[in-house]
Amino acid sequence: MLLNLSEQAGEALHAQISRQVRARILARELGGGELLPSIRALAREYRVSVITVQRAYEDLEREGLLHSHPGKGFYVAEHPEQMTRTIATRRFAVAFADLVARSRAEGLDEAELGQAIREVLSGGGQR
């Protein structure tokens, strides 16, 4: 499994693993029923603690994206298209609400936020 982990990132290692595996599941790069690398194998490959990988896998299991079979490992949960889209939409709404709150705290009003959103959606608001 190809992950990009960095101890210099402002995000905990287990959160980096969760985020990257989640993204691959939601993008359907990892299919339903697919066996993930064992906790020990992933920890060894990326030189992180077994507990770090275990926390990441357990976070994804709580979200309903993985399920475990004791003694066999963690598998990608089967998700119909609508459930996958619902999970992605919910995660977007949470992140977007935080961004809107921070933008309002910096003085942007609804019209300015709307304009910025339209620019980004049209491709003109890229960095």
N, C-alpha and C. Protein backbone atom coordinates (compact mmCIF):
# COMPACT_ATOMS: atom_id res chain seq x y z
N MET A 1 0.86 -1.18 0.00
CA MET A 1 0.00 0.00 0.00
C MET A 1 0.89 1.23 0.00
N LEU A 2 0.63 2.13 -0.91
CA LEU A 2 1.46 3.32 -1.04
C LEU A 2 0.86 4.47 -0.24
N LEU A 3 1.56 4.85 0.82
CA LEU A 3 1.16 5.97 1.66
C LEU A 3 2.30 6.98 1.71
N ASN A 4 1.95 8.22 1.97
CA ASN A 4 2.95 9.27 2.10
C ASN A 4 2.84 9.81 3.53
N LEU A 5 3.72 9.34 4.41
CA LEU A 5 3.69 9.73 5.82
C LEU A 5 4.87 10.64 6.14
N SER A 6 4.60 11.63 7.00
CA SER A 6 5.66 12.54 7.41
C SER A 6 5.50 12.91 8.87
N GLU A 7 6.58 12.76 9.61
CA GLU A 7 6.56 13.16 11.02
C GLU A 7 6.60 14.68 11.16
N GLN A 8 6.96 15.39 10.09
CA GLN A 8 7.01 16.85 10.14
C GLN A 8 5.65 17.48 9.84
N ALA A 9 4.70 16.69 9.39
CA ALA A 9 3.36 17.21 9.10
C ALA A 9 2.68 17.62 10.40
N GLY A 10 1.76 18.52 10.31
CA GLY A 10 1.04 18.97 11.50
C GLY A 10 -0.10 18.03 11.87
N GLU A 11 -0.03 16.81 11.39
CA GLU A 11 -1.08 15.82 11.60
C GLU A 11 -0.44 14.56 12.18
N ALA A 12 -1.08 13.96 13.16
CA ALA A 12 -0.55 12.74 13.77
C ALA A 12 -0.43 11.64 12.72
N LEU A 13 0.52 10.74 12.90
CA LEU A 13 0.75 9.67 11.94
C LEU A 13 -0.49 8.80 11.74
N HIS A 14 -1.18 8.46 12.83
CA HIS A 14 -2.37 7.62 12.68
C HIS A 14 -3.45 8.34 11.87
N ALA A 15 -3.54 9.67 12.03
CA ALA A 15 -4.52 10.45 11.27
C ALA A 15 -4.13 10.50 9.80
N GLN A 16 -2.83 10.57 9.51
CA GLN A 16 -2.36 10.56 8.12
C GLN A 16 -2.73 9.23 7.46
N ILE A 17 -2.52 8.15 8.17
CA ILE A 17 -2.86 6.83 7.63
C ILE A 17 -4.36 6.75 7.39
N SER A 18 -5.15 7.13 8.40
CA SER A 18 -6.62 7.08 8.26
C SER A 18 -7.07 7.91 7.06
N ARG A 19 -6.57 9.12 6.96
CA ARG A 19 -6.99 10.03 5.88
C ARG A 19 -6.66 9.45 4.51
N GLN A 20 -5.46 8.92 4.38
CA GLN A 20 -5.04 8.42 3.08
C GLN A 20 -5.75 7.12 2.68
N VAL A 21 -5.95 6.24 3.64
CA VAL A 21 -6.69 5.01 3.35
C VAL A 21 -8.15 5.36 3.06
N ARG A 22 -8.74 6.27 3.84
CA ARG A 22 -10.12 6.71 3.61
C ARG A 22 -10.28 7.27 2.20
N ALA A 23 -9.35 8.11 1.80
CA ALA A 23 -9.42 8.71 0.47
C ALA A 23 -9.37 7.64 -0.62
N ARG A 24 -8.55 6.64 -0.43
CA ARG A 24 -8.44 5.56 -1.43
C ARG A 24 -9.71 4.72 -1.47
N ILE A 25 -10.35 4.55 -0.31
CA ILE A 25 -11.61 3.80 -0.28
C ILE A 25 -12.71 4.61 -0.98
N LEU A 26 -12.82 5.88 -0.61
CA LEU A 26 -13.87 6.72 -1.18
C LEU A 26 -13.68 6.94 -2.68
N ALA A 27 -12.42 6.92 -3.14
CA ALA A 27 -12.14 7.06 -4.56
C ALA A 27 -12.25 5.70 -5.28
N ARG A 28 -12.58 4.68 -4.53
CA ARG A 28 -12.74 3.32 -5.05
C ARG A 28 -11.44 2.72 -5.58
N GLU A 29 -10.32 3.22 -5.07
CA GLU A 29 -9.03 2.60 -5.40
C GLU A 29 -8.84 1.32 -4.60
N LEU A 30 -9.51 1.25 -3.45
CA LEU A 30 -9.55 0.04 -2.64
C LEU A 30 -10.99 -0.44 -2.68
N GLY A 31 -11.20 -1.64 -3.15
CA GLY A 31 -12.56 -2.14 -3.33
C GLY A 31 -13.10 -2.88 -2.13
N GLY A 32 -14.41 -2.97 -2.09
CA GLY A 32 -15.08 -3.69 -1.01
C GLY A 32 -14.60 -5.13 -0.93
N GLY A 33 -14.31 -5.57 0.27
CA GLY A 33 -13.84 -6.92 0.50
C GLY A 33 -12.34 -7.09 0.38
N GLU A 34 -11.64 -6.02 -0.03
CA GLU A 34 -10.19 -6.11 -0.21
C GLU A 34 -9.49 -6.17 1.15
N LEU A 35 -8.55 -7.09 1.27
CA LEU A 35 -7.76 -7.25 2.50
C LEU A 35 -6.68 -6.18 2.54
N LEU A 36 -6.59 -5.47 3.66
CA LEU A 36 -5.54 -4.48 3.84
C LEU A 36 -4.29 -5.17 4.40
N PRO A 37 -3.14 -4.53 4.27
CA PRO A 37 -1.94 -5.10 4.89
C PRO A 37 -2.16 -5.28 6.39
N SER A 38 -1.54 -6.27 6.96
CA SER A 38 -1.69 -6.48 8.40
C SER A 38 -1.14 -5.27 9.15
N ILE A 39 -1.58 -5.11 10.37
CA ILE A 39 -1.11 -4.01 11.21
C ILE A 39 0.40 -4.05 11.33
N ARG A 40 0.93 -5.21 11.61
CA ARG A 40 2.39 -5.35 11.79
C ARG A 40 3.14 -5.08 10.48
N ALA A 41 2.61 -5.57 9.38
CA ALA A 41 3.28 -5.38 8.09
C ALA A 41 3.31 -3.90 7.70
N LEU A 42 2.20 -3.21 7.89
CA LEU A 42 2.15 -1.79 7.55
C LEU A 42 3.06 -0.99 8.48
N ALA A 43 3.05 -1.34 9.76
CA ALA A 43 3.93 -0.65 10.73
C ALA A 43 5.39 -0.85 10.35
N ARG A 44 5.75 -2.05 9.97
CA ARG A 44 7.13 -2.35 9.59
C ARG A 44 7.50 -1.61 8.30
N GLU A 45 6.60 -1.62 7.30
CA GLU A 45 6.88 -0.99 6.01
C GLU A 45 7.11 0.52 6.15
N TYR A 46 6.33 1.17 7.02
CA TYR A 46 6.44 2.63 7.16
C TYR A 46 7.19 3.06 8.42
N ARG A 47 7.76 2.08 9.11
CA ARG A 47 8.55 2.35 10.31
C ARG A 47 7.79 3.21 11.32
N VAL A 48 6.58 2.76 11.64
CA VAL A 48 5.76 3.41 12.65
C VAL A 48 5.36 2.35 13.67
N SER A 49 4.82 2.80 14.76
CA SER A 49 4.38 1.90 15.82
C SER A 49 3.17 1.07 15.38
N VAL A 50 3.10 -0.15 15.87
CA VAL A 50 1.95 -1.00 15.64
C VAL A 50 0.69 -0.31 16.18
N ILE A 51 0.82 0.37 17.29
CA ILE A 51 -0.31 1.08 17.90
C ILE A 51 -0.81 2.19 16.97
N THR A 52 0.10 2.84 16.26
CA THR A 52 -0.28 3.90 15.32
C THR A 52 -1.17 3.34 14.22
N VAL A 53 -0.77 2.22 13.63
CA VAL A 53 -1.55 1.60 12.56
C VAL A 53 -2.87 1.07 13.12
N GLN A 54 -2.81 0.47 14.30
CA GLN A 54 -4.03 -0.07 14.92
C GLN A 54 -5.05 1.05 15.14
N ARG A 55 -4.60 2.20 15.65
CA ARG A 55 -5.51 3.34 15.86
C ARG A 55 -6.14 3.79 14.55
N ALA A 56 -5.34 3.85 13.50
CA ALA A 56 -5.84 4.27 12.19
C ALA A 56 -6.90 3.29 11.68
N TYR A 57 -6.61 2.01 11.74
CA TYR A 57 -7.56 1.00 11.27
C TYR A 57 -8.83 1.03 12.12
N GLU A 58 -8.69 1.19 13.43
CA GLU A 58 -9.87 1.23 14.30
C GLU A 58 -10.72 2.47 14.03
N ASP A 59 -10.07 3.61 13.75
CA ASP A 59 -10.83 4.82 13.38
C ASP A 59 -11.67 4.55 12.14
N LEU A 60 -11.07 3.92 11.14
CA LEU A 60 -11.78 3.62 9.89
C LEU A 60 -12.87 2.58 10.11
N GLU A 61 -12.64 1.68 11.03
CA GLU A 61 -13.66 0.68 11.35
C GLU A 61 -14.86 1.35 12.01
N ARG A 62 -14.62 2.30 12.93
CA ARG A 62 -15.71 3.03 13.57
C ARG A 62 -16.53 3.83 12.55
N GLU A 63 -15.86 4.31 11.51
CA GLU A 63 -16.55 5.06 10.46
C GLU A 63 -17.34 4.14 9.53
N GLY A 64 -17.12 2.84 9.65
CA GLY A 64 -17.83 1.90 8.80
C GLY A 64 -17.13 1.62 7.49
N LEU A 65 -15.88 2.08 7.35
CA LEU A 65 -15.15 1.87 6.10
C LEU A 65 -14.37 0.55 6.08
N LEU A 66 -14.04 0.04 7.25
CA LEU A 66 -13.34 -1.24 7.38
C LEU A 66 -14.11 -2.14 8.31
N HIS A 67 -13.86 -3.42 8.20
CA HIS A 67 -14.33 -4.37 9.20
C HIS A 67 -13.22 -5.38 9.43
N SER A 68 -13.19 -5.91 10.63
CA SER A 68 -12.11 -6.84 10.97
C SER A 68 -12.66 -8.24 11.16
N HIS A 69 -11.81 -9.19 10.83
CA HIS A 69 -12.07 -10.60 11.11
C HIS A 69 -10.94 -11.03 12.01
N PRO A 70 -11.23 -11.30 13.29
CA PRO A 70 -10.16 -11.69 14.21
C PRO A 70 -9.31 -12.83 13.63
N GLY A 71 -8.00 -12.60 13.69
CA GLY A 71 -7.06 -13.59 13.20
C GLY A 71 -6.83 -13.54 11.70
N LYS A 72 -7.66 -12.77 10.97
CA LYS A 72 -7.52 -12.70 9.52
C LYS A 72 -7.13 -11.30 9.04
N GLY A 73 -7.55 -10.26 9.76
CA GLY A 73 -7.15 -8.92 9.38
C GLY A 73 -8.30 -7.98 9.14
N PHE A 74 -7.97 -6.84 8.54
CA PHE A 74 -8.94 -5.79 8.24
C PHE A 74 -9.26 -5.79 6.75
N TYR A 75 -10.54 -5.68 6.45
CA TYR A 75 -11.02 -5.67 5.08
C TYR A 75 -11.78 -4.37 4.81
N VAL A 76 -11.74 -3.93 3.58
CA VAL A 76 -12.55 -2.78 3.17
C VAL A 76 -14.00 -3.23 3.19
N ALA A 77 -14.85 -2.44 3.85
CA ALA A 77 -16.27 -2.77 3.92
C ALA A 77 -16.91 -2.61 2.54
N GLU A 78 -17.93 -3.40 2.30
CA GLU A 78 -18.70 -3.28 1.07
C GLU A 78 -19.60 -2.05 1.21
N HIS A 79 -19.50 -1.14 0.26
CA HIS A 79 -20.32 0.06 0.31
C HIS A 79 -21.00 0.30 -1.02
N PRO A 80 -22.31 0.36 -1.00
CA PRO A 80 -22.97 0.76 -2.24
C PRO A 80 -22.57 2.21 -2.56
N GLU A 81 -22.67 2.58 -3.81
CA GLU A 81 -22.27 3.91 -4.27
C GLU A 81 -22.87 5.02 -3.41
N GLN A 82 -24.16 4.93 -3.08
CA GLN A 82 -24.82 6.02 -2.34
C GLN A 82 -24.22 6.17 -0.94
N MET A 83 -23.88 5.07 -0.27
CA MET A 83 -23.30 5.16 1.06
C MET A 83 -21.92 5.82 1.00
N THR A 84 -21.14 5.46 0.00
CA THR A 84 -19.82 6.06 -0.17
C THR A 84 -19.95 7.56 -0.39
N ARG A 85 -20.91 7.96 -1.22
CA ARG A 85 -21.13 9.38 -1.49
C ARG A 85 -21.62 10.09 -0.23
N THR A 86 -22.44 9.44 0.57
CA THR A 86 -22.93 10.04 1.82
C THR A 86 -21.77 10.29 2.77
N ILE A 87 -20.86 9.34 2.89
CA ILE A 87 -19.70 9.51 3.77
C ILE A 87 -18.85 10.68 3.28
N ALA A 88 -18.60 10.73 1.97
CA ALA A 88 -17.78 11.81 1.41
C ALA A 88 -18.48 13.16 1.61
N THR A 89 -19.79 13.21 1.41
CA THR A 89 -20.54 14.46 1.57
C THR A 89 -20.51 14.92 3.02
N ARG A 90 -20.69 14.00 3.95
CA ARG A 90 -20.66 14.35 5.38
C ARG A 90 -19.30 14.90 5.77
N ARG A 91 -18.22 14.27 5.31
CA ARG A 91 -16.87 14.74 5.64
C ARG A 91 -16.63 16.12 5.03
N PHE A 92 -17.12 16.35 3.80
CA PHE A 92 -16.98 17.66 3.18
C PHE A 92 -17.74 18.71 3.98
N ALA A 93 -18.97 18.40 4.40
CA ALA A 93 -19.78 19.37 5.14
C ALA A 93 -19.10 19.79 6.43
N VAL A 94 -18.48 18.86 7.13
CA VAL A 94 -17.79 19.18 8.38
C VAL A 94 -16.59 20.08 8.10
N ALA A 95 -15.80 19.73 7.10
CA ALA A 95 -14.62 20.54 6.76
C ALA A 95 -15.04 21.91 6.25
N PHE A 96 -16.10 21.96 5.46
CA PHE A 96 -16.57 23.22 4.89
C PHE A 96 -17.12 24.14 5.99
N ALA A 97 -17.86 23.57 6.94
CA ALA A 97 -18.40 24.37 8.05
C ALA A 97 -17.27 25.03 8.84
N ASP A 98 -16.20 24.30 9.06
CA ASP A 98 -15.05 24.84 9.77
C ASP A 98 -14.41 25.97 8.97
N LEU A 99 -14.25 25.78 7.68
CA LEU A 99 -13.68 26.80 6.82
C LEU A 99 -14.55 28.06 6.79
N VAL A 100 -15.86 27.89 6.71
CA VAL A 100 -16.77 29.03 6.71
C VAL A 100 -16.67 29.79 8.04
N ALA A 101 -16.63 29.07 9.15
CA ALA A 101 -16.52 29.72 10.45
C ALA A 101 -15.23 30.52 10.55
N ARG A 102 -14.11 29.95 10.09
CA ARG A 102 -12.84 30.67 10.13
C ARG A 102 -12.87 31.89 9.20
N SER A 103 -13.48 31.74 8.04
CA SER A 103 -13.56 32.85 7.08
C SER A 103 -14.42 33.98 7.62
N ARG A 104 -15.51 33.65 8.28
CA ARG A 104 -16.37 34.68 8.89
C ARG A 104 -15.62 35.38 10.02
N ALA A 105 -14.84 34.62 10.78
CA ALA A 105 -14.07 35.22 11.87
C ALA A 105 -13.03 36.19 11.31
N GLU A 106 -12.61 35.98 10.06
CA GLU A 106 -11.64 36.86 9.42
C GLU A 106 -12.33 38.01 8.68
N GLY A 107 -13.66 38.10 8.81
CA GLY A 107 -14.37 39.25 8.27
C GLY A 107 -15.09 39.06 6.95
N LEU A 108 -15.06 37.89 6.37
CA LEU A 108 -15.77 37.70 5.11
C LEU A 108 -17.26 37.54 5.36
N ASP A 109 -18.07 38.16 4.50
CA ASP A 109 -19.52 38.03 4.64
C ASP A 109 -20.02 36.96 3.66
N GLU A 110 -21.33 36.72 3.70
CA GLU A 110 -21.93 35.67 2.88
C GLU A 110 -21.70 35.90 1.39
N ALA A 111 -21.83 37.12 0.94
CA ALA A 111 -21.63 37.43 -0.48
C ALA A 111 -20.19 37.14 -0.90
N GLU A 112 -19.23 37.51 -0.07
CA GLU A 112 -17.82 37.26 -0.40
C GLU A 112 -17.52 35.76 -0.40
N LEU A 113 -18.11 35.04 0.56
CA LEU A 113 -17.92 33.59 0.59
C LEU A 113 -18.51 32.95 -0.66
N GLY A 114 -19.72 33.41 -1.02
CA GLY A 114 -20.37 32.87 -2.22
C GLY A 114 -19.54 33.11 -3.47
N GLN A 115 -18.99 34.30 -3.59
CA GLN A 115 -18.16 34.62 -4.74
C GLN A 115 -16.90 33.75 -4.78
N ALA A 116 -16.28 33.57 -3.63
CA ALA A 116 -15.08 32.73 -3.56
C ALA A 116 -15.41 31.29 -3.95
N ILE A 117 -16.54 30.78 -3.49
CA ILE A 117 -16.96 29.41 -3.82
C ILE A 117 -17.20 29.28 -5.32
N ARG A 118 -17.90 30.25 -5.91
CA ARG A 118 -18.17 30.21 -7.36
C ARG A 118 -16.87 30.23 -8.15
N GLU A 119 -15.90 31.03 -7.70
CA GLU A 119 -14.61 31.09 -8.39
C GLU A 119 -13.88 29.76 -8.33
N VAL A 120 -13.89 29.15 -7.16
CA VAL A 120 -13.21 27.87 -7.01
C VAL A 120 -13.89 26.80 -7.88
N LEU A 121 -15.23 26.77 -7.86
CA LEU A 121 -15.94 25.77 -8.64
C LEU A 121 -15.76 25.97 -10.15
N SER A 122 -15.55 27.21 -10.57
CA SER A 122 -15.34 27.45 -12.01
C SER A 122 -13.89 27.24 -12.42
N GLY A 123 -13.04 26.95 -11.44
CA GLY A 123 -11.64 26.71 -11.75
C GLY A 123 -10.76 27.94 -11.68
N GLY A 124 -11.36 29.09 -11.37
CA GLY A 124 -10.58 30.34 -11.31
C GLY A 124 -9.99 30.63 -9.97
N GLY A 125 -10.35 29.86 -8.97
CA GLY A 125 -9.86 30.14 -7.61
C GLY A 125 -8.74 29.23 -7.18
N GLN A 126 -8.05 28.64 -8.13
CA GLN A 126 -6.95 27.76 -7.78
C GLN A 126 -5.74 28.56 -7.35
N ARG A 127 -4.93 27.95 -6.50
CA ARG A 127 -3.73 28.63 -5.97
C ARG A 127 -2.74 28.88 -7.05
